[in-house]
Amino acid sequence: MESLSLEINQTFLIEDLAKAGLKQRDIKELSAKVFVKDDKVYFFDELDSKYYRLYSVINKRSFFL
């Protein structure tokens, strides 16, 4: 598994997120792209079909309550 430094406002290729082990979750109530890894939930804006911009990271327990 590849190490990827995830920083707010950085832009990522969808392929890089998958290689880093992030799993996309379909959440119908949100327009954001949501990815989960370990105990974190990552929220991305979709810039186009390949690039996503990270704008928030929260604890998984907080999100899925």
C-alpha atoms as a PDB file:
ATOM      1  CA  MET A   1       0.000   0.000   0.000  1.00  0.00           C
ATOM      2  CA  GLU A   2       1.338   3.387  -1.029  1.00  0.00           C
ATOM      3  CA  SER A   3       1.760   6.185   1.519  1.00  0.00           C
ATOM      4  CA  LEU A   4      -0.074   9.348   0.504  1.00  0.00           C
ATOM      5  CA  SER A   5       0.089  12.631   2.399  1.00  0.00           C
ATOM      6  CA  LEU A   6      -3.494  13.916   2.598  1.00  0.00           C
ATOM      7  CA  GLU A   7      -3.619  17.642   3.279  1.00  0.00           C
ATOM      8  CA  ILE A   8      -6.609  19.963   3.159  1.00  0.00           C
ATOM      9  CA  ASN A   9      -6.992  21.833  -0.173  1.00  0.00           C
ATOM     10  CA  GLN A  10      -4.646  19.440  -1.970  1.00  0.00           C
ATOM     11  CA  THR A  11      -5.810  17.908  -5.252  1.00  0.00           C
ATOM     12  CA  PHE A  12      -5.638  14.171  -5.847  1.00  0.00           C
ATOM     13  CA  LEU A  13      -6.188  11.768  -8.701  1.00  0.00           C
ATOM     14  CA  ILE A  14      -8.903   9.226  -7.971  1.00  0.00           C
ATOM     15  CA  GLU A  15      -6.418   6.452  -8.768  1.00  0.00           C
ATOM     16  CA  ASP A  16      -4.008   7.729  -6.092  1.00  0.00           C
ATOM     17  CA  LEU A  17      -6.738   7.640  -3.460  1.00  0.00           C
ATOM     18  CA  ALA A  18      -7.522   4.029  -4.337  1.00  0.00           C
ATOM     19  CA  LYS A  19      -3.840   3.058  -4.227  1.00  0.00           C
ATOM     20  CA  ALA A  20      -3.561   4.635  -0.773  1.00  0.00           C
ATOM     21  CA  GLY A  21      -6.342   2.361   0.472  1.00  0.00           C
ATOM     22  CA  LEU A  22      -9.205   4.852   0.687  1.00  0.00           C
ATOM     23  CA  LYS A  23     -12.594   3.266  -0.006  1.00  0.00           C
ATOM     24  CA  GLN A  24     -15.314   5.402  -1.553  1.00  0.00           C
ATOM     25  CA  ARG A  25     -18.725   5.398   0.120  1.00  0.00           C
ATOM     26  CA  ASP A  26     -21.886   6.492  -1.654  1.00  0.00           C
ATOM     27  CA  ILE A  27     -23.748   8.867   0.643  1.00  0.00           C
ATOM     28  CA  LYS A  28     -26.927  10.124  -1.044  1.00  0.00           C
ATOM     29  CA  GLU A  29     -27.510  13.023   1.346  1.00  0.00           C
ATOM     30  CA  LEU A  30     -24.183  14.692   0.470  1.00  0.00           C
ATOM     31  CA  SER A  31     -22.868  16.181  -2.748  1.00  0.00           C
ATOM     32  CA  ALA A  32     -19.299  15.504  -1.572  1.00  0.00           C
ATOM     33  CA  LYS A  33     -17.291  12.448  -2.488  1.00  0.00           C
ATOM     34  CA  VAL A  34     -16.753  10.517   0.738  1.00  0.00           C
ATOM     35  CA  PHE A  35     -13.858   8.122   1.328  1.00  0.00           C
ATOM     36  CA  VAL A  36     -13.130   6.029   4.409  1.00  0.00           C
ATOM     37  CA  LYS A  37      -9.860   4.611   5.706  1.00  0.00           C
ATOM     38  CA  ASP A  38      -9.262   3.186   9.164  1.00  0.00           C
ATOM     39  CA  ASP A  39     -10.925   5.559  11.665  1.00  0.00           C
ATOM     40  CA  LYS A  40     -11.098   8.613   9.360  1.00  0.00           C
ATOM     41  CA  VAL A  41     -13.690   9.933   6.891  1.00  0.00           C
ATOM     42  CA  TYR A  42     -12.398  12.159   4.068  1.00  0.00           C
ATOM     43  CA  PHE A  43     -14.589  14.633   2.169  1.00  0.00           C
ATOM     44  CA  PHE A  44     -13.659  15.715  -1.342  1.00  0.00           C
ATOM     45  CA  ASP A  45     -15.016  18.154  -3.934  1.00  0.00           C
ATOM     46  CA  GLU A  46     -15.033  16.614  -7.391  1.00  0.00           C
ATOM     47  CA  LEU A  47     -13.161  19.041  -9.660  1.00  0.00           C
ATOM     48  CA  ASP A  48     -13.691  16.865 -12.734  1.00  0.00           C
ATOM     49  CA  SER A  49     -13.992  13.135 -13.369  1.00  0.00           C
ATOM     50  CA  LYS A  50     -10.359  12.481 -12.315  1.00  0.00           C
ATOM     51  CA  TYR A  51      -9.386  15.096  -9.734  1.00  0.00           C
ATOM     52  CA  TYR A  52     -10.722  15.531  -6.208  1.00  0.00           C
ATOM     53  CA  ARG A  53      -9.900  18.288  -3.684  1.00  0.00           C
ATOM     54  CA  LEU A  54      -9.792  17.322  -0.001  1.00  0.00           C
ATOM     55  CA  TYR A  55     -11.701  19.790   2.169  1.00  0.00           C
ATOM     56  CA  SER A  56     -12.414  17.989   5.448  1.00  0.00           C
ATOM     57  CA  VAL A  57     -11.385  15.000   7.559  1.00  0.00           C
ATOM     58  CA  ILE A  58     -13.326  13.748  10.584  1.00  0.00           C
ATOM     59  CA  ASN A  59     -13.410  10.766  12.885  1.00  0.00           C
ATOM     60  CA  LYS A  60     -15.434   7.862  11.461  1.00  0.00           C
ATOM     61  CA  ARG A  61     -17.464   7.466  14.646  1.00  0.00           C
ATOM     62  CA  SER A  62     -18.645  11.088  14.448  1.00  0.00           C
ATOM     63  CA  PHE A  63     -19.843  10.680  10.872  1.00  0.00           C
ATOM     64  CA  PHE A  64     -21.695   7.392  11.127  1.00  0.00           C
ATOM     65  CA  LEU A  65     -23.565   8.101  14.380  1.00  0.00           C
END
